[in-house]
Protein backbone atom coordinates (compact mmCIF):
# COMPACT_ATOMS: atom_id res chain seq x y z
CA UNK A 1 54.11 253.06 113.89
CA UNK A 2 54.46 249.54 113.55
CA UNK A 3 51.76 249.37 110.78
CA UNK A 4 53.39 251.68 109.11
CA UNK A 5 56.54 249.70 109.42
CA UNK A 6 55.36 246.38 108.39
CA UNK A 7 53.63 248.38 105.03
CA UNK A 8 57.16 249.87 104.27
CA UNK A 9 59.12 246.11 104.58
CA UNK A 10 56.12 244.88 102.42
CA UNK A 11 56.56 247.03 99.59
CA UNK A 12 60.40 247.10 100.07
CA UNK A 13 59.87 242.88 99.97
CA UNK A 14 57.12 243.43 96.68
CA UNK A 15 59.46 245.66 94.96
CA UNK A 16 62.48 243.50 95.40
CA UNK A 17 60.65 240.39 94.29
CA UNK A 18 59.56 242.38 91.22
CA UNK A 19 63.01 243.53 90.20
CA UNK A 20 64.30 239.48 90.66
CA UNK A 21 62.15 237.66 88.84
CA UNK A 22 62.68 240.76 85.87
CA UNK A 23 66.32 239.01 86.24
CA UNK A 24 66.21 235.42 87.52
CA UNK A 25 69.54 234.01 86.37
CA UNK A 26 71.44 237.57 87.02
CA UNK A 27 74.57 237.24 89.24
CA UNK A 28 75.04 240.09 91.67
CA UNK A 29 78.25 241.06 92.84
CA UNK A 30 78.78 243.95 95.28
CA UNK A 31 76.14 245.76 93.08
CA UNK A 32 76.72 244.48 89.99
CA UNK A 33 75.67 242.04 87.65
CA UNK A 34 78.51 239.90 86.07
CA UNK A 35 75.75 237.75 84.21
CA UNK A 36 75.82 241.08 81.53
CA UNK A 37 78.42 241.88 79.40
CA UNK A 38 78.97 245.70 77.48
CA UNK A 39 81.70 246.32 74.48
CA UNK A 40 82.51 249.92 73.50
CA UNK A 41 84.39 249.94 70.48
CA UNK A 42 86.01 253.17 69.13
CA UNK A 43 86.53 253.92 65.43
CA UNK A 44 88.42 256.80 65.45
CA UNK A 45 87.45 259.51 63.39
CA UNK A 46 84.15 257.77 62.10
CA UNK A 47 81.87 260.56 60.78
CA UNK A 48 78.32 260.80 62.56
CA UNK A 49 77.37 261.55 58.92
CA UNK A 50 78.92 258.21 57.31
CA UNK A 51 75.59 255.97 57.58
CA UNK A 52 73.73 258.54 55.52
CA UNK A 53 75.48 257.35 52.65
CA UNK A 54 73.64 254.96 51.25
CA UNK A 55 76.57 253.41 49.46
CA UNK A 56 78.83 252.79 51.93
CA UNK A 57 79.69 249.43 52.22
CA UNK A 58 79.01 248.77 56.35
CA UNK A 59 76.99 246.29 56.08
CA UNK A 60 77.75 245.75 60.08
CA UNK A 61 77.00 248.85 60.96
CA UNK A 62 73.84 249.09 59.63
CA UNK A 63 72.70 246.23 60.76
CA UNK A 64 73.59 247.01 64.59
CA UNK A 65 71.51 249.75 64.00
CA UNK A 66 68.47 248.57 62.54
CA UNK A 67 68.80 246.20 65.41
CA UNK A 68 69.27 248.62 67.77
CA UNK A 69 69.54 252.89 67.90
CA UNK A 70 71.52 255.12 66.32
CA UNK A 71 71.81 258.96 66.21
CA UNK A 72 72.31 261.29 63.25
CA UNK A 73 75.54 262.56 65.23
CA UNK A 74 77.16 262.45 68.85
CA UNK A 75 78.51 265.58 70.03
CA UNK A 76 82.21 265.38 71.24
CA UNK A 77 83.70 267.54 74.16
CA UNK A 78 86.26 269.89 73.61
CA UNK A 79 89.14 269.85 72.58
CA UNK A 80 88.06 267.61 69.85
CA UNK A 81 91.16 264.87 69.94
CA UNK A 82 91.40 261.27 70.78
CA UNK A 83 92.38 260.99 74.60
CA UNK A 84 90.45 263.57 76.19
CA UNK A 85 87.26 262.24 74.20
CA UNK A 86 88.03 258.83 74.98
CA UNK A 87 88.19 259.72 78.79
CA UNK A 88 84.73 261.36 78.61
CA UNK A 89 83.21 258.21 77.17
CA UNK A 90 84.62 256.60 80.08
CA UNK A 91 83.59 259.00 83.05
CA UNK A 92 80.74 261.00 81.73
CA UNK A 93 82.42 264.20 82.14
CA UNK A 94 84.34 267.24 80.13
CA UNK A 95 87.54 267.64 80.84
CA UNK A 96 87.00 270.45 83.22
CA UNK A 97 86.38 268.08 85.35
CA UNK A 98 88.65 264.76 83.97
CA UNK A 99 91.47 266.93 83.43
CA UNK A 100 92.47 265.35 80.12
CA UNK A 101 93.30 267.79 77.22
CA UNK A 102 95.73 266.13 75.15
CA UNK A 103 97.05 262.86 73.35
CA UNK A 104 99.27 262.30 77.10
CA UNK A 105 99.94 265.02 79.68
CA UNK A 106 101.43 268.35 79.24
CA UNK A 107 105.04 268.76 80.64
CA UNK A 108 105.39 272.33 81.23
CA UNK A 109 109.29 273.22 81.88
CA UNK A 110 110.48 277.13 82.42
CA UNK A 111 111.49 279.01 78.97
CA UNK A 112 110.86 275.70 76.57
CA UNK A 113 108.08 274.79 74.88
CA UNK A 114 105.60 272.42 76.62
CA UNK A 115 105.45 268.73 75.34
CA UNK A 116 103.04 265.84 75.68
CA UNK A 117 103.96 262.79 77.45
CA UNK A 118 102.05 259.58 76.89
CA UNK A 119 103.12 257.07 78.46
CA UNK A 120 101.95 258.45 81.88
CA UNK A 121 99.83 256.42 84.40
CA UNK A 122 96.02 256.74 84.53
CA UNK A 123 96.10 257.93 88.29
CA UNK A 124 98.30 260.84 86.75
CA UNK A 125 95.86 262.05 84.04
CA UNK A 126 92.48 261.03 84.88
CA UNK A 127 91.13 263.30 87.25
CA UNK A 128 87.16 261.55 87.50
CA UNK A 129 86.20 257.83 88.08
CA UNK A 130 85.88 255.75 85.23
CA UNK A 131 83.37 253.23 83.97
CA UNK A 132 85.90 250.73 84.37
CA UNK A 133 86.80 251.60 88.04
CA UNK A 134 82.99 251.16 88.93
CA UNK A 135 83.01 247.78 87.21
CA UNK A 136 86.26 246.86 88.99
CA UNK A 137 85.03 247.94 92.39
CA UNK A 138 81.51 245.60 91.76
CA UNK A 139 83.75 242.60 91.48
CA UNK A 140 83.46 242.74 87.55
CA UNK A 141 86.06 241.82 85.18
CA UNK A 142 87.37 244.52 82.47
CA UNK A 143 89.44 244.35 79.55
CA UNK A 144 90.92 246.91 77.08
CA UNK A 145 92.70 246.61 73.69
CA UNK A 146 94.19 249.86 72.79
CA UNK A 147 92.39 252.61 74.93
CA UNK A 148 93.96 255.71 75.89
CA UNK A 149 95.07 257.18 79.39
CA UNK A 150 94.46 253.72 80.92
CA UNK A 151 97.83 253.27 81.98
CA UNK A 152 98.73 251.01 85.15
CA UNK A 153 95.60 250.85 86.55
CA UNK A 154 94.76 247.91 88.80
CA UNK A 155 90.86 248.33 87.50
CA UNK A 156 91.70 246.38 84.29
CA UNK A 157 91.64 242.83 84.44
CA UNK A 158 93.16 241.82 81.23
CA UNK A 159 94.52 244.15 78.59
CA UNK A 160 96.66 244.41 74.87
CA UNK A 161 97.79 247.70 75.20
CA UNK A 162 98.15 250.48 72.36
CA UNK A 163 102.02 249.82 72.78
CA UNK A 164 102.30 246.17 74.27
CA UNK A 165 106.31 245.68 73.74
CA UNK A 166 106.56 248.92 76.16
CA UNK A 167 107.75 247.67 79.86
CA UNK A 168 104.57 249.67 81.30
CA UNK A 169 102.39 247.18 79.17
CA UNK A 170 100.76 244.05 81.07
CA UNK A 171 102.08 241.15 79.24
CA UNK A 172 99.58 238.55 79.77
CA UNK A 173 97.19 238.98 76.47
CA UNK A 174 100.42 239.44 74.41
CA UNK A 175 101.73 236.00 75.61
CA UNK A 176 98.84 234.14 75.37
CA UNK A 177 98.65 235.31 71.80
CA UNK A 178 102.17 234.25 71.02
CA UNK A 179 101.37 230.90 72.83
CA UNK A 180 98.08 230.28 70.57
CA UNK A 181 100.07 231.31 67.57
CA UNK A 182 98.08 234.06 66.88
CA UNK A 183 101.04 236.51 66.69
CA UNK A 184 105.01 236.30 67.15
CA UNK A 185 106.82 237.42 70.06
CA UNK A 186 109.04 239.26 67.34
CA UNK A 187 106.12 241.18 66.17
CA UNK A 188 104.85 242.18 69.42
CA UNK A 189 108.31 243.67 70.05
CA UNK A 190 108.22 245.60 67.09
CA UNK A 191 104.39 246.54 67.24
CA UNK A 192 105.03 250.47 67.37
CA UNK A 193 106.72 250.03 63.75
CA UNK A 194 104.19 248.32 62.07
CA UNK A 195 101.78 249.94 59.89
CA UNK A 196 98.57 250.89 61.40
CA UNK A 197 95.96 248.68 59.09
CA UNK A 198 98.47 245.80 60.73
CA UNK A 199 98.10 247.15 63.79
CA UNK A 200 94.43 247.58 63.92
CA UNK A 201 94.43 243.36 62.97
CA UNK A 202 96.69 242.42 65.79
CA UNK A 203 94.09 244.56 68.03
CA UNK A 204 90.93 242.61 66.99
CA UNK A 205 92.60 239.41 66.98
CA UNK A 206 93.45 240.46 70.73
CA UNK A 207 89.53 241.80 71.38
CA UNK A 208 88.81 238.86 70.27
CA UNK A 209 91.05 236.60 72.11
CA UNK A 210 89.97 238.37 75.24
CA UNK A 211 86.29 237.58 74.37
CA UNK A 212 87.18 233.70 73.69
CA UNK A 213 89.00 232.68 76.24
CA UNK A 214 88.33 235.50 79.12
CA UNK A 215 84.55 236.63 78.73
CA UNK A 216 84.54 239.95 80.43
CA UNK A 217 81.93 242.00 81.80
CA UNK A 218 83.36 245.33 80.01
CA UNK A 219 85.91 245.76 77.47
CA UNK A 220 87.07 248.59 75.74
CA UNK A 221 88.56 248.42 72.38
CA UNK A 222 89.61 250.90 69.86
CA UNK A 223 90.94 251.28 66.46
CA UNK A 224 92.91 253.85 64.58
CA UNK A 225 93.16 253.21 61.05
CA UNK A 226 90.67 255.66 59.78
CA UNK A 227 92.11 258.29 62.00
CA UNK A 228 95.54 257.75 60.68
CA UNK A 229 93.77 257.85 56.56
CA UNK A 230 92.25 260.88 57.57
CA UNK A 231 95.10 262.73 58.35
CA UNK A 232 96.84 261.88 55.52
CA UNK A 233 94.45 261.92 52.47
CA UNK A 234 91.52 263.75 53.89
CA UNK A 235 87.92 262.96 54.19
CA UNK A 236 85.42 261.48 52.10
CA UNK A 237 88.30 260.29 50.35
CA UNK A 238 88.51 257.19 48.57
CA UNK A 239 90.77 255.96 51.61
CA UNK A 240 88.55 257.48 54.07
CA UNK A 241 85.71 255.16 52.33
CA UNK A 242 88.32 252.08 52.69
CA UNK A 243 89.22 252.81 56.06
CA UNK A 244 85.61 252.64 56.92
CA UNK A 245 84.35 249.42 55.43
CA UNK A 246 88.05 247.71 56.57
CA UNK A 247 86.71 248.83 59.86
CA UNK A 248 83.38 247.49 59.32
CA UNK A 249 84.60 244.07 58.56
CA UNK A 250 86.52 244.13 62.19
CA UNK A 251 83.64 245.21 63.82
CA UNK A 252 81.66 241.99 62.20
CA UNK A 253 84.70 239.70 63.40
CA UNK A 254 83.53 241.40 66.96
CA UNK A 255 79.86 240.61 66.43
CA UNK A 256 80.82 236.86 64.64
CA UNK A 257 82.78 235.86 68.25
CA UNK A 258 79.98 237.12 70.71
CA UNK A 259 77.62 234.82 68.31
CA UNK A 260 79.77 231.68 68.41
CA UNK A 261 80.98 232.06 72.12
CA UNK A 262 76.53 232.44 73.27
CA UNK A 263 77.83 235.99 74.96
CA UNK A 264 75.22 237.77 72.71
CA UNK A 265 72.10 237.73 74.24
CA UNK A 266 73.74 239.11 77.63
CA UNK A 267 75.74 241.70 75.62
CA UNK A 268 75.38 245.29 74.62
CA UNK A 269 77.74 246.58 72.03
CA UNK A 270 78.17 250.05 71.49
CA UNK A 271 80.03 251.53 68.32
CA UNK A 272 81.06 254.94 68.49
CA UNK A 273 83.89 257.22 67.77
CA UNK A 274 85.84 259.98 69.68
CA UNK A 275 85.00 263.10 66.99
CA UNK A 276 84.70 264.02 63.12
CA UNK A 277 87.10 265.05 60.59
CA UNK A 278 87.43 268.34 58.48
CA UNK A 279 89.52 269.09 55.10
CA UNK A 280 92.61 270.85 55.42
CA UNK A 281 93.69 273.41 52.90
CA UNK A 282 95.92 276.11 54.82
CA UNK A 283 98.39 275.44 58.13
CA UNK A 284 98.59 278.53 60.53
CA UNK A 285 101.81 278.82 61.63
CA UNK A 286 101.18 280.57 65.19
CA UNK A 287 104.30 279.94 66.28
CA UNK A 288 106.52 281.70 63.49
CA UNK A 289 103.94 285.30 64.74
CA UNK A 290 105.63 284.81 67.99
CA UNK A 291 109.02 284.36 66.83
CA UNK A 292 108.90 287.90 64.79
CA UNK A 293 107.51 289.21 67.98
CA UNK A 294 110.66 288.46 69.92
CA UNK A 295 108.75 285.76 72.09
CA UNK A 296 110.82 282.37 70.82
CA UNK A 297 114.10 281.44 69.08
CA UNK A 298 114.50 279.10 66.65
CA UNK A 299 117.85 277.26 66.11
CA UNK A 300 118.62 274.63 62.86
CA UNK A 301 114.39 274.73 62.40
CA UNK A 302 113.98 273.71 65.97
CA UNK A 303 112.35 275.95 68.53
CA UNK A 304 114.76 276.13 71.23
CA UNK A 305 113.45 278.96 73.70
CA UNK A 306 110.02 280.22 74.39
CA UNK A 307 108.38 282.93 76.94
CA UNK A 308 105.25 282.02 74.72
CA UNK A 309 104.33 279.42 72.84
CA UNK A 310 101.07 277.80 71.09
CA UNK A 311 100.12 274.27 71.20
CA UNK A 312 98.47 272.84 68.23
CA UNK A 313 95.66 270.47 68.13
CA UNK A 314 94.24 270.96 64.66
CA UNK A 315 91.43 273.03 64.62
CA UNK A 316 92.16 274.66 67.73
CA UNK A 317 95.51 275.53 69.93
CA UNK A 318 96.33 276.46 73.11
CA UNK A 319 98.26 279.40 74.17
CA UNK A 320 101.24 279.03 76.89
CA UNK A 321 103.44 281.70 79.11
CA UNK A 322 106.15 279.81 79.69
CA UNK A 323 108.09 281.75 82.04
CA UNK A 324 107.16 283.90 85.14
CA UNK A 325 105.09 286.93 83.63
CA UNK A 326 103.22 289.19 86.83
CA UNK A 327 103.00 292.06 85.18
CA UNK A 328 101.14 290.25 82.08
CA UNK A 329 103.90 292.03 79.68
CA UNK A 330 104.58 288.57 77.89
CA UNK A 331 100.56 287.56 77.53
CA UNK A 332 100.11 291.12 76.04
CA UNK A 333 102.80 291.11 73.69
CA UNK A 334 101.62 287.62 72.24
CA UNK A 335 97.51 288.72 72.09
CA UNK A 336 98.99 291.80 70.14
CA UNK A 337 101.38 288.91 67.84
CA UNK A 338 98.50 286.82 67.45
CA UNK A 339 95.84 289.54 66.37
CA UNK A 340 94.83 289.72 62.72
CA UNK A 341 96.78 286.49 61.95
CA UNK A 342 95.92 284.38 59.02
CA UNK A 343 93.21 281.60 59.38
CA UNK A 344 92.34 282.03 63.41
CA UNK A 345 88.57 282.72 64.05
CA UNK A 346 88.77 283.47 67.71
CA UNK A 347 91.51 284.49 71.04
CA UNK A 348 89.12 282.87 73.86
CA UNK A 349 89.91 283.95 77.57
CA UNK A 350 89.60 282.02 79.94
CA UNK A 351 86.17 284.00 81.48
CA UNK A 352 84.90 281.97 78.52
CA UNK A 353 86.82 278.80 78.89
CA UNK A 354 83.96 276.94 80.79
CA UNK A 355 81.21 277.30 77.73
CA UNK A 356 83.85 274.80 76.23
CA UNK A 357 83.89 272.30 78.70
CA UNK A 358 87.28 273.45 79.50
CA UNK A 359 89.25 274.12 83.11
CA UNK A 360 90.70 277.05 84.04
CA UNK A 361 94.23 277.53 84.17
CA UNK A 362 94.09 277.54 87.99
CA UNK A 363 92.29 274.51 88.38
CA UNK A 364 94.48 272.71 85.21
CA UNK A 365 97.77 273.66 84.47
CA UNK A 366 97.94 272.21 81.21
CA UNK A 367 95.27 274.60 80.53
CA UNK A 368 96.23 277.11 78.39
CA UNK A 369 96.27 280.88 78.80
CA UNK A 370 94.45 281.90 75.45
CA UNK A 371 92.09 279.44 73.56
CA UNK A 372 92.34 279.56 69.42
CA UNK A 373 89.83 278.73 67.25
CA UNK A 374 90.64 278.31 63.42
CA UNK A 375 88.47 279.13 60.41
CA UNK A 376 87.25 276.56 57.88
CA UNK A 377 89.65 275.05 55.66
CA UNK A 378 92.79 276.30 58.29
CA UNK A 379 94.12 273.52 60.86
CA UNK A 380 97.11 274.95 63.30
CA UNK A 381 100.75 273.36 63.20
CA UNK A 382 103.75 273.48 65.34
CA UNK A 383 106.45 274.84 63.32
CA UNK A 384 107.97 278.57 63.06
CA UNK A 385 109.14 279.82 59.83
CA UNK A 386 109.64 282.57 57.63
CA UNK A 387 105.76 282.57 57.01
CA UNK A 388 102.70 282.40 59.54
CA UNK A 389 100.42 280.76 56.88
CA UNK A 390 101.60 277.97 54.45
CA UNK A 391 99.19 275.47 52.27
CA UNK A 392 98.96 272.64 53.61
CA UNK A 393 101.67 270.04 52.66
CA UNK A 394 100.89 266.30 51.30
CA UNK A 395 100.14 264.08 54.41
CA UNK A 396 98.49 266.81 55.97
CA UNK A 397 95.09 266.90 54.47
CA UNK A 398 92.71 266.23 57.75
CA UNK A 399 92.57 266.92 60.92
CA UNK A 400 90.22 267.14 64.15
CA UNK A 401 90.27 269.50 67.47
CA UNK A 402 87.58 272.09 66.04
CA UNK A 403 85.13 273.43 68.52
CA UNK A 404 82.51 270.23 69.23
CA UNK A 405 79.66 272.01 67.73
CA UNK A 406 80.61 272.18 63.99
CA UNK A 407 78.68 269.75 62.26
CA UNK A 408 81.21 268.02 60.59
CA UNK A 409 82.74 266.85 63.83
CA UNK A 410 80.01 264.98 64.77
CA UNK A 411 80.94 261.31 65.54
CA UNK A 412 79.13 257.86 65.30
CA UNK A 413 76.53 256.42 67.78
CA UNK A 414 75.49 252.73 68.01
CA UNK A 415 73.97 250.80 70.52
CA UNK A 416 72.49 247.33 70.03
CA UNK A 417 71.79 244.43 71.60
CA UNK A 418 71.04 243.44 75.18
CA UNK A 419 68.56 245.83 76.88
CA UNK A 420 68.85 248.11 73.86
CA UNK A 421 65.08 249.24 72.06
CA UNK A 422 65.08 247.59 68.49
CA UNK A 423 64.48 250.96 65.88
CA UNK A 424 65.15 253.44 67.98
CA UNK A 425 66.94 256.79 66.20
CA UNK A 426 67.74 259.65 68.15
CA UNK A 427 69.02 263.36 67.05
CA UNK A 428 72.06 263.94 69.03
CA UNK A 429 73.55 262.12 71.94
CA UNK A 430 76.35 263.48 73.90
CA UNK A 431 79.71 260.91 74.00
CA UNK A 432 79.53 262.05 78.73
CA UNK A 433 75.89 259.80 77.77
CA UNK A 434 77.80 256.27 77.08
CA UNK A 435 79.06 256.41 80.85
CA UNK A 436 76.00 256.12 82.58
CA UNK A 437 74.09 254.47 80.34
CA UNK A 438 76.61 251.45 79.80
CA UNK A 439 76.56 251.72 83.65
CA UNK A 440 72.69 251.09 83.63
CA UNK A 441 73.20 247.98 81.70
CA UNK A 442 75.75 246.65 84.19
CA UNK A 443 73.69 247.04 86.84
CA UNK A 444 75.49 250.17 87.84
CA UNK A 445 75.46 253.89 88.59
CA UNK A 446 77.78 256.60 87.61
CA UNK A 447 77.38 259.37 90.14
CA UNK A 448 78.15 263.12 89.48
CA UNK A 449 78.22 263.22 85.88
CA UNK A 450 77.77 265.26 83.23
CA UNK A 451 75.79 263.04 80.75
CA UNK A 452 72.68 261.50 81.46
CA UNK A 453 71.24 257.93 81.46
CA UNK A 454 69.86 257.53 77.73
CA UNK A 455 66.53 256.32 78.63
CA UNK A 456 65.45 256.38 75.33
CA UNK A 457 67.17 253.70 73.76
CA UNK A 458 66.73 251.19 76.90
CA UNK A 459 64.34 248.15 76.54
CA UNK A 460 64.18 247.43 80.49
CA UNK A 461 62.44 244.68 82.28
CA UNK A 462 58.51 246.20 82.83
CA UNK A 463 58.81 244.38 86.48
CA UNK A 464 61.92 246.32 87.30
CA UNK A 465 60.12 249.73 86.04
CA UNK A 466 57.42 249.17 88.23
CA UNK A 467 59.35 248.45 91.57
CA UNK A 468 61.48 251.42 91.09
CA UNK A 469 58.64 253.37 90.48
CA UNK A 470 56.53 252.42 93.76
CA UNK A 471 59.84 253.02 95.64
CA UNK A 472 60.57 256.23 94.56
CA UNK A 473 58.86 258.06 97.25
CA UNK A 474 60.64 256.44 100.00
CA UNK A 475 64.41 257.91 98.54
CA UNK A 476 66.04 258.79 101.47
CA UNK A 477 64.36 256.08 103.79
CA UNK A 478 66.75 253.74 103.72
CA UNK A 479 66.06 253.12 100.12
CA UNK A 480 67.35 254.69 96.86
CA UNK A 481 65.73 254.99 93.66
CA UNK A 482 68.64 255.11 91.11
CA UNK A 483 67.84 255.82 87.32
CA UNK A 484 69.33 252.75 86.16
CA UNK A 485 65.88 251.05 87.90
CA UNK A 486 67.74 249.56 90.27
CA UNK A 487 67.17 249.49 93.57
CA UNK A 488 69.71 249.60 96.57
CA UNK A 489 69.28 249.23 100.46
CA UNK A 490 71.05 251.75 102.41
């Protein structure tokens, strides 16, 4: 028995020694490796097909893709809108588990349309552990610039928020930038009133400042220009292409900063998007049908009372019964009012929600009683008027929110830098794969996720792989083999 235990100890010792040789300068802190860095950049609405266009001037993105890994597309989660998908990127799970279904939290009051409130604490909104939670718990430093569903979390060390002028925002970075002359206090105080191109510039300035002055182990960085442009003018337009080129220049600033600070050899960069976009020609005014059925009332062009309501999310919509309905009569009348409506493709009921990664209403009261999908060329809008479908007005020529299997909704995926195998080309990845993969690169593990570690793109030290392989047979005997090829003694 002693001889067997001695052999096990020797095997464990040799394997750990191999791992240490593979990373001699690593600074291990409560399970994480503080010598390594991950930067996750999301370019809101950047389509997966964009790099296939040889005439799109995005040299920085092409350089990162050539030096690292690129996919033909990245599959988003439903609904394909910004906050649910950013939350899936950092949790590795679908909205059925993390609970974020809107760009904020849906609030329901009896007899009136539900509303979405974005300025709610992260702990109220996100029901699953995040990558930044794991990094913080491991003693690493974290930062966010214009990230979402992240308000008032203690797991973020430094931030420049989407709305830095709001009282909930941590002011330290804004104050540092004011002191450095990067932005004026007046511009901070009126930030939300400025155009989106200028705000993207300031958010990039903030990301550069944080990298130079604080060097976080994890930076989450989100830019919005392209999303706003495509909503207004539509995808594949000159305006959209110009915004893509502009975003490339912002990513170039991040790359230059990593090079100038000496962080690049220790940093992995993910450049992603949350969803693609589709052209909109007609809008579906489903609430107009409910008004005609006597299920809601309108005064002065505003919906003032509602027994049922359709909340639009672009290419999909959620239907709510807003008053007690023990007999199911109101829901039945709602279904009848929506049946055969121009532009609606499918009316999906709760038994089928799981196949779309959506929660049941009984598990999450933000989920609707019905889930509607739009036909190609259509998007949902909230208004209730005389018509149930209208031509898309100027300024509303693009939308997302469609079912995530739609090819036009494929998002961008590039990974480059430390730990990424150069020249790797993939077909399609899932955005729930990002969190476990990024965790691996930081020496962490995301448990109970829907995604997987993208091992095909990783260039891990041979010694670490060898040690992990040898210990695999001892799993559960005081040693845990982690998919990231780390060894953890229990």
